[in-house]
Structures are given as C-alpha cells and as structure tokens.
Amino acid sequence: MTKLKLGPIPEDKPVKLAVELPAPLFEDLRRYGEILGEGSPIPPARLIAPMLERFMATDRAFRRHRAQGN
C-alpha cells in the first residue's frame, strides 16, 4: 500500500461550501482518492476537508496564532 499523508476519512456532519478548483488540481484530487480508496475511490469532495485540517494542524504559525486566542 502507498503511504499517504491522509488516513481513513471519518464520517462527519458536513457544512455545504461551493468552491471552484483548477482542473489539474481536481484531477490530482481524483487520483489521490483512487489511491487512498484502494479499489473503492473516494470522491474529491470528501478529501478537501481532511486535507485542509491536516494542513492547518501542521502549520506552526497558525497553531501558535490560534493558541494565543487570536
């Protein structure tokens, strides 16, 4: 199995948000979902929130700013 940064995608109550993505980015998300899903592809829309969560969780400046209550 390929080692990806994202693990299993948890079920959660979503908040609807419409975004426009460049076509190459959407295609990369589609490919990522195929790899992560291991035969049962995960739709690109389900990848966006976990990717953003991981990005913000590993952004030291953002964590520092949030810890200061800003």
PDB file of N, CA and C in Angstrom:
ATOM      1  N   MET A   1       0.829  -1.173   0.000  1.00  0.00           N
ATOM      2  CA  MET A   1       0.000   0.000   0.000  1.00  0.00           C
ATOM      3  C   MET A   1       0.878   1.241   0.000  1.00  0.00           C
ATOM      4  N   THR A   2       0.471   2.254  -0.733  1.00  0.00           N
ATOM      5  CA  THR A   2       1.181   3.517  -0.787  1.00  0.00           C
ATOM      6  C   THR A   2       0.959   4.283   0.507  1.00  0.00           C
ATOM      7  N   LYS A   3       2.025   4.864   1.064  1.00  0.00           N
ATOM      8  CA  LYS A   3       1.928   5.642   2.299  1.00  0.00           C
ATOM      9  C   LYS A   3       1.532   7.071   1.948  1.00  0.00           C
ATOM     10  N   LEU A   4       0.293   7.440   2.266  1.00  0.00           N
ATOM     11  CA  LEU A   4      -0.209   8.782   2.006  1.00  0.00           C
ATOM     12  C   LEU A   4      -0.305   9.550   3.319  1.00  0.00           C
ATOM     13  N   LYS A   5      -0.332  10.873   3.238  1.00  0.00           N
ATOM     14  CA  LYS A   5      -0.433  11.698   4.443  1.00  0.00           C
ATOM     15  C   LYS A   5      -1.793  11.576   5.107  1.00  0.00           C
ATOM     16  N   LEU A   6      -2.850  11.338   4.326  1.00  0.00           N
ATOM     17  CA  LEU A   6      -4.181  11.198   4.898  1.00  0.00           C
ATOM     18  C   LEU A   6      -4.452   9.750   5.253  1.00  0.00           C
ATOM     19  N   GLY A   7      -5.135   9.564   6.346  1.00  0.00           N
ATOM     20  CA  GLY A   7      -5.571   8.239   6.745  1.00  0.00           C
ATOM     21  C   GLY A   7      -7.028   8.064   6.362  1.00  0.00           C
ATOM     22  N   PRO A   8      -7.735   7.173   7.047  1.00  0.00           N
ATOM     23  CA  PRO A   8      -9.159   6.973   6.760  1.00  0.00           C
ATOM     24  C   PRO A   8      -9.942   8.279   6.909  1.00  0.00           C
ATOM     25  N   ILE A   9     -10.941   8.461   6.062  1.00  0.00           N
ATOM     26  CA  ILE A   9     -11.767   9.663   6.083  1.00  0.00           C
ATOM     27  C   ILE A   9     -12.973   9.402   6.998  1.00  0.00           C
ATOM     28  N   PRO A  10     -13.074  10.135   8.124  1.00  0.00           N
ATOM     29  CA  PRO A  10     -14.197   9.901   9.036  1.00  0.00           C
ATOM     30  C   PRO A  10     -15.496  10.484   8.494  1.00  0.00           C
ATOM     31  N   GLU A  11     -16.602   9.884   8.904  1.00  0.00           N
ATOM     32  CA  GLU A  11     -17.914  10.435   8.574  1.00  0.00           C
ATOM     33  C   GLU A  11     -18.172  11.589   9.538  1.00  0.00           C
ATOM     34  N   ASP A  12     -18.688  12.672   9.026  1.00  0.00           N
ATOM     35  CA  ASP A  12     -18.963  13.839   9.853  1.00  0.00           C
ATOM     36  C   ASP A  12     -20.112  14.615   9.228  1.00  0.00           C
ATOM     37  N   LYS A  13     -20.804  15.411  10.028  1.00  0.00           N
ATOM     38  CA  LYS A  13     -21.897  16.225   9.504  1.00  0.00           C
ATOM     39  C   LYS A  13     -21.287  17.389   8.719  1.00  0.00           C
ATOM     40  N   PRO A  14     -21.514  17.439   7.420  1.00  0.00           N
ATOM     41  CA  PRO A  14     -20.869  18.468   6.606  1.00  0.00           C
ATOM     42  C   PRO A  14     -21.598  19.810   6.626  1.00  0.00           C
ATOM     43  N   VAL A  15     -20.862  20.838   6.316  1.00  0.00           N
ATOM     44  CA  VAL A  15     -21.387  22.170   6.061  1.00  0.00           C
ATOM     45  C   VAL A  15     -21.126  22.417   4.592  1.00  0.00           C
ATOM     46  N   LYS A  16     -22.143  22.753   3.846  1.00  0.00           N
ATOM     47  CA  LYS A  16     -22.010  22.892   2.398  1.00  0.00           C
ATOM     48  C   LYS A  16     -21.220  24.153   2.049  1.00  0.00           C
ATOM     49  N   LEU A  17     -20.269  23.983   1.150  1.00  0.00           N
ATOM     50  CA  LEU A  17     -19.430  25.071   0.685  1.00  0.00           C
ATOM     51  C   LEU A  17     -19.128  24.821  -0.783  1.00  0.00           C
ATOM     52  N   ALA A  18     -19.364  25.810  -1.611  1.00  0.00           N
ATOM     53  CA  ALA A  18     -19.081  25.665  -3.043  1.00  0.00           C
ATOM     54  C   ALA A  18     -17.741  26.327  -3.352  1.00  0.00           C
ATOM     55  N   VAL A  19     -16.877  25.596  -4.034  1.00  0.00           N
ATOM     56  CA  VAL A  19     -15.575  26.138  -4.428  1.00  0.00           C
ATOM     57  C   VAL A  19     -15.313  25.795  -5.890  1.00  0.00           C
ATOM     58  N   GLU A  20     -14.501  26.617  -6.506  1.00  0.00           N
ATOM     59  CA  GLU A  20     -14.038  26.325  -7.858  1.00  0.00           C
ATOM     60  C   GLU A  20     -12.572  25.962  -7.772  1.00  0.00           C
ATOM     61  N   LEU A  21     -12.211  24.864  -8.416  1.00  0.00           N
ATOM     62  CA  LEU A  21     -10.829  24.393  -8.415  1.00  0.00           C
ATOM     63  C   LEU A  21     -10.289  24.375  -9.834  1.00  0.00           C
ATOM     64  N   PRO A  22      -9.003  24.628  -9.992  1.00  0.00           N
ATOM     65  CA  PRO A  22      -8.411  24.447 -11.311  1.00  0.00           C
ATOM     66  C   PRO A  22      -8.529  22.968 -11.723  1.00  0.00           C
ATOM     67  N   ALA A  23      -8.750  22.743 -12.993  1.00  0.00           N
ATOM     68  CA  ALA A  23      -8.928  21.372 -13.495  1.00  0.00           C
ATOM     69  C   ALA A  23      -7.771  20.438 -13.115  1.00  0.00           C
ATOM     70  N   PRO A  24      -6.503  20.880 -13.210  1.00  0.00           N
ATOM     71  CA  PRO A  24      -5.413  19.969 -12.822  1.00  0.00           C
ATOM     72  C   PRO A  24      -5.453  19.580 -11.342  1.00  0.00           C
ATOM     73  N   LEU A  25      -5.849  20.517 -10.485  1.00  0.00           N
ATOM     74  CA  LEU A  25      -5.958  20.199  -9.066  1.00  0.00           C
ATOM     75  C   LEU A  25      -7.080  19.200  -8.826  1.00  0.00           C
ATOM     76  N   PHE A  26      -8.223  19.389  -9.481  1.00  0.00           N
ATOM     77  CA  PHE A  26      -9.329  18.447  -9.356  1.00  0.00           C
ATOM     78  C   PHE A  26      -8.899  17.051  -9.808  1.00  0.00           C
ATOM     79  N   GLU A  27      -8.162  16.984 -10.907  1.00  0.00           N
ATOM     80  CA  GLU A  27      -7.687  15.687 -11.406  1.00  0.00           C
ATOM     81  C   GLU A  27      -6.743  15.034 -10.399  1.00  0.00           C
ATOM     82  N   ASP A  28      -5.870  15.831  -9.790  1.00  0.00           N
ATOM     83  CA  ASP A  28      -4.975  15.283  -8.760  1.00  0.00           C
ATOM     84  C   ASP A  28      -5.763  14.781  -7.555  1.00  0.00           C
ATOM     85  N   LEU A  29      -6.800  15.510  -7.150  1.00  0.00           N
ATOM     86  CA  LEU A  29      -7.649  15.044  -6.048  1.00  0.00           C
ATOM     87  C   LEU A  29      -8.334  13.729  -6.405  1.00  0.00           C
ATOM     88  N   ARG A  30      -8.790  13.632  -7.636  1.00  0.00           N
ATOM     89  CA  ARG A  30      -9.435  12.397  -8.092  1.00  0.00           C
ATOM     90  C   ARG A  30      -8.456  11.229  -8.009  1.00  0.00           C
ATOM     91  N   ARG A  31      -7.235  11.452  -8.487  1.00  0.00           N
ATOM     92  CA  ARG A  31      -6.203  10.398  -8.435  1.00  0.00           C
ATOM     93  C   ARG A  31      -5.871  10.019  -6.992  1.00  0.00           C
ATOM     94  N   TYR A  32      -5.750  11.029  -6.143  1.00  0.00           N
ATOM     95  CA  TYR A  32      -5.445  10.788  -4.732  1.00  0.00           C
ATOM     96  C   TYR A  32      -6.540   9.918  -4.107  1.00  0.00           C
ATOM     97  N   GLY A  33      -7.787  10.244  -4.404  1.00  0.00           N
ATOM     98  CA  GLY A  33      -8.911   9.462  -3.894  1.00  0.00           C
ATOM     99  C   GLY A  33      -8.893   8.025  -4.369  1.00  0.00           C
ATOM    100  N   GLU A  34      -8.435   7.803  -5.598  1.00  0.00           N
ATOM    101  CA  GLU A  34      -8.317   6.434  -6.111  1.00  0.00           C
ATOM    102  C   GLU A  34      -7.266   5.657  -5.328  1.00  0.00           C
ATOM    103  N   ILE A  35      -6.131   6.305  -5.076  1.00  0.00           N
ATOM    104  CA  ILE A  35      -5.053   5.635  -4.344  1.00  0.00           C
ATOM    105  C   ILE A  35      -5.468   5.378  -2.900  1.00  0.00           C
ATOM    106  N   LEU A  36      -6.012   6.394  -2.244  1.00  0.00           N
ATOM    107  CA  LEU A  36      -6.413   6.262  -0.844  1.00  0.00           C
ATOM    108  C   LEU A  36      -7.538   5.253  -0.680  1.00  0.00           C
ATOM    109  N   GLY A  37      -8.446   5.204  -1.634  1.00  0.00           N
ATOM    110  CA  GLY A  37      -9.587   4.304  -1.543  1.00  0.00           C
ATOM    111  C   GLY A  37      -9.281   2.856  -1.815  1.00  0.00           C
ATOM    112  N   GLU A  38      -8.106   2.560  -2.354  1.00  0.00           N
ATOM    113  CA  GLU A  38      -7.687   1.179  -2.638  1.00  0.00           C
ATOM    114  C   GLU A  38      -8.786   0.352  -3.296  1.00  0.00           C
ATOM    115  N   GLY A  39      -9.216   0.760  -4.466  1.00  0.00           N
ATOM    116  CA  GLY A  39     -10.218  -0.007  -5.193  1.00  0.00           C
ATOM    117  C   GLY A  39     -11.635   0.521  -5.011  1.00  0.00           C
ATOM    118  N   SER A  40     -11.849   1.335  -4.020  1.00  0.00           N
ATOM    119  CA  SER A  40     -13.142   1.974  -3.799  1.00  0.00           C
ATOM    120  C   SER A  40     -12.873   3.482  -3.723  1.00  0.00           C
ATOM    121  N   PRO A  41     -12.784   4.150  -4.872  1.00  0.00           N
ATOM    122  CA  PRO A  41     -12.346   5.550  -4.915  1.00  0.00           C
ATOM    123  C   PRO A  41     -13.142   6.468  -3.991  1.00  0.00           C
ATOM    124  N   ILE A  42     -12.431   7.384  -3.359  1.00  0.00           N
ATOM    125  CA  ILE A  42     -13.044   8.395  -2.510  1.00  0.00           C
ATOM    126  C   ILE A  42     -13.248   9.634  -3.377  1.00  0.00           C
ATOM    127  N   PRO A  43     -14.457  10.187  -3.406  1.00  0.00           N
ATOM    128  CA  PRO A  43     -14.714  11.366  -4.237  1.00  0.00           C
ATOM    129  C   PRO A  43     -13.864  12.559  -3.794  1.00  0.00           C
ATOM    130  N   PRO A  44     -13.406  13.369  -4.740  1.00  0.00           N
ATOM    131  CA  PRO A  44     -12.579  14.529  -4.404  1.00  0.00           C
ATOM    132  C   PRO A  44     -13.195  15.425  -3.334  1.00  0.00           C
ATOM    133  N   ALA A  45     -14.500  15.617  -3.345  1.00  0.00           N
ATOM    134  CA  ALA A  45     -15.149  16.487  -2.364  1.00  0.00           C
ATOM    135  C   ALA A  45     -14.927  15.997  -0.933  1.00  0.00           C
ATOM    136  N   ARG A  46     -14.805  14.694  -0.729  1.00  0.00           N
ATOM    137  CA  ARG A  46     -14.589  14.148   0.625  1.00  0.00           C
ATOM    138  C   ARG A  46     -13.145  14.286   1.076  1.00  0.00           C
ATOM    139  N   LEU A  47     -12.240  14.594   0.166  1.00  0.00           N
ATOM    140  CA  LEU A  47     -10.827  14.737   0.520  1.00  0.00           C
ATOM    141  C   LEU A  47     -10.480  16.145   0.985  1.00  0.00           C
ATOM    142  N   ILE A  48     -11.224  17.131   0.525  1.00  0.00           N
ATOM    143  CA  ILE A  48     -10.842  18.525   0.749  1.00  0.00           C
ATOM    144  C   ILE A  48     -10.785  18.880   2.232  1.00  0.00           C
ATOM    145  N   ALA A  49     -11.819  18.563   3.004  1.00  0.00           N
ATOM    146  CA  ALA A  49     -11.828  18.913   4.429  1.00  0.00           C
ATOM    147  C   ALA A  49     -10.685  18.244   5.198  1.00  0.00           C
ATOM    148  N   PRO A  50     -10.463  16.930   5.048  1.00  0.00           N
ATOM    149  CA  PRO A  50      -9.351  16.318   5.786  1.00  0.00           C
ATOM    150  C   PRO A  50      -7.989  16.890   5.375  1.00  0.00           C
ATOM    151  N   MET A  51      -7.845  17.237   4.098  1.00  0.00           N
ATOM    152  CA  MET A  51      -6.579  17.822   3.651  1.00  0.00           C
ATOM    153  C   MET A  51      -6.368  19.200   4.274  1.00  0.00           C
ATOM    154  N   LEU A  52      -7.427  20.000   4.319  1.00  0.00           N
ATOM    155  CA  LEU A  52      -7.312  21.322   4.941  1.00  0.00           C
ATOM    156  C   LEU A  52      -7.053  21.199   6.439  1.00  0.00           C
ATOM    157  N   GLU A  53      -7.726  20.257   7.094  1.00  0.00           N
ATOM    158  CA  GLU A  53      -7.495  20.039   8.528  1.00  0.00           C
ATOM    159  C   GLU A  53      -6.048  19.671   8.788  1.00  0.00           C
ATOM    160  N   ARG A  54      -5.520  18.759   7.991  1.00  0.00           N
ATOM    161  CA  ARG A  54      -4.125  18.328   8.167  1.00  0.00           C
ATOM    162  C   ARG A  54      -3.168  19.483   7.906  1.00  0.00           C
ATOM    163  N   PHE A  55      -3.450  20.244   6.871  1.00  0.00           N
ATOM    164  CA  PHE A  55      -2.602  21.388   6.547  1.00  0.00           C
ATOM    165  C   PHE A  55      -2.559  22.374   7.716  1.00  0.00           C
ATOM    166  N   MET A  56      -3.729  22.724   8.252  1.00  0.00           N
ATOM    167  CA  MET A  56      -3.768  23.696   9.342  1.00  0.00           C
ATOM    168  C   MET A  56      -3.169  23.128  10.631  1.00  0.00           C
ATOM    169  N   ALA A  57      -3.346  21.834  10.870  1.00  0.00           N
ATOM    170  CA  ALA A  57      -2.792  21.199  12.072  1.00  0.00           C
ATOM    171  C   ALA A  57      -1.267  21.172  12.041  1.00  0.00           C
ATOM    172  N   THR A  58      -0.685  21.175  10.861  1.00  0.00           N
ATOM    173  CA  THR A  58       0.780  21.111  10.757  1.00  0.00           C
ATOM    174  C   THR A  58       1.409  22.459  10.443  1.00  0.00           C
ATOM    175  N   ASP A  59       0.607  23.518  10.389  1.00  0.00           N
ATOM    176  CA  ASP A  59       1.118  24.862  10.141  1.00  0.00           C
ATOM    177  C   ASP A  59       1.461  25.492  11.496  1.00  0.00           C
ATOM    178  N   ARG A  60       2.732  25.563  11.805  1.00  0.00           N
ATOM    179  CA  ARG A  60       3.169  26.034  13.125  1.00  0.00           C
ATOM    180  C   ARG A  60       2.721  27.464  13.412  1.00  0.00           C
ATOM    181  N   ALA A  61       2.829  28.332  12.441  1.00  0.00           N
ATOM    182  CA  ALA A  61       2.433  29.729  12.660  1.00  0.00           C
ATOM    183  C   ALA A  61       0.942  29.820  12.961  1.00  0.00           C
ATOM    184  N   PHE A  62       0.131  29.044  12.264  1.00  0.00           N
ATOM    185  CA  PHE A  62      -1.311  29.053  12.517  1.00  0.00           C
ATOM    186  C   PHE A  62      -1.619  28.522  13.904  1.00  0.00           C
ATOM    187  N   ARG A  63      -0.969  27.417  14.307  1.00  0.00           N
ATOM    188  CA  ARG A  63      -1.202  26.851  15.640  1.00  0.00           C
ATOM    189  C   ARG A  63      -0.815  27.845  16.725  1.00  0.00           C
ATOM    190  N   ARG A  64       0.320  28.508  16.541  1.00  0.00           N
ATOM    191  CA  ARG A  64       0.790  29.498  17.502  1.00  0.00           C
ATOM    192  C   ARG A  64      -0.211  30.657  17.623  1.00  0.00           C
ATOM    193  N   HIS A  65      -0.686  31.131  16.485  1.00  0.00           N
ATOM    194  CA  HIS A  65      -1.635  32.235  16.448  1.00  0.00           C
ATOM    195  C   HIS A  65      -2.943  31.826  17.140  1.00  0.00           C
ATOM    196  N   ARG A  66      -3.411  30.629  16.861  1.00  0.00           N
ATOM    197  CA  ARG A  66      -4.659  30.150  17.464  1.00  0.00           C
ATOM    198  C   ARG A  66      -4.503  29.945  18.966  1.00  0.00           C
ATOM    199  N   ALA A  67      -3.335  29.476  19.400  1.00  0.00           N
ATOM    200  CA  ALA A  67      -3.088  29.252  20.824  1.00  0.00           C
ATOM    201  C   ALA A  67      -3.077  30.558  21.602  1.00  0.00           C
ATOM    202  N   GLN A  68      -2.752  31.654  20.932  1.00  0.00           N
ATOM    203  CA  GLN A  68      -2.741  32.967  21.581  1.00  0.00           C
ATOM    204  C   GLN A  68      -4.148  33.549  21.675  1.00  0.00           C
ATOM    205  N   GLY A  69      -5.130  32.841  21.136  1.00  0.00           N
ATOM    206  CA  GLY A  69      -6.506  33.281  21.207  1.00  0.00           C
ATOM    207  C   GLY A  69      -6.886  34.302  20.152  1.00  0.00           C
ATOM    208  N   ASN A  70      -6.114  34.383  19.096  1.00  0.00           N
ATOM    209  CA  ASN A  70      -6.401  35.337  18.018  1.00  0.00           C
ATOM    210  C   ASN A  70      -7.223  34.714  16.935  1.00  0.00           C
TER     211      ASN A  70
END
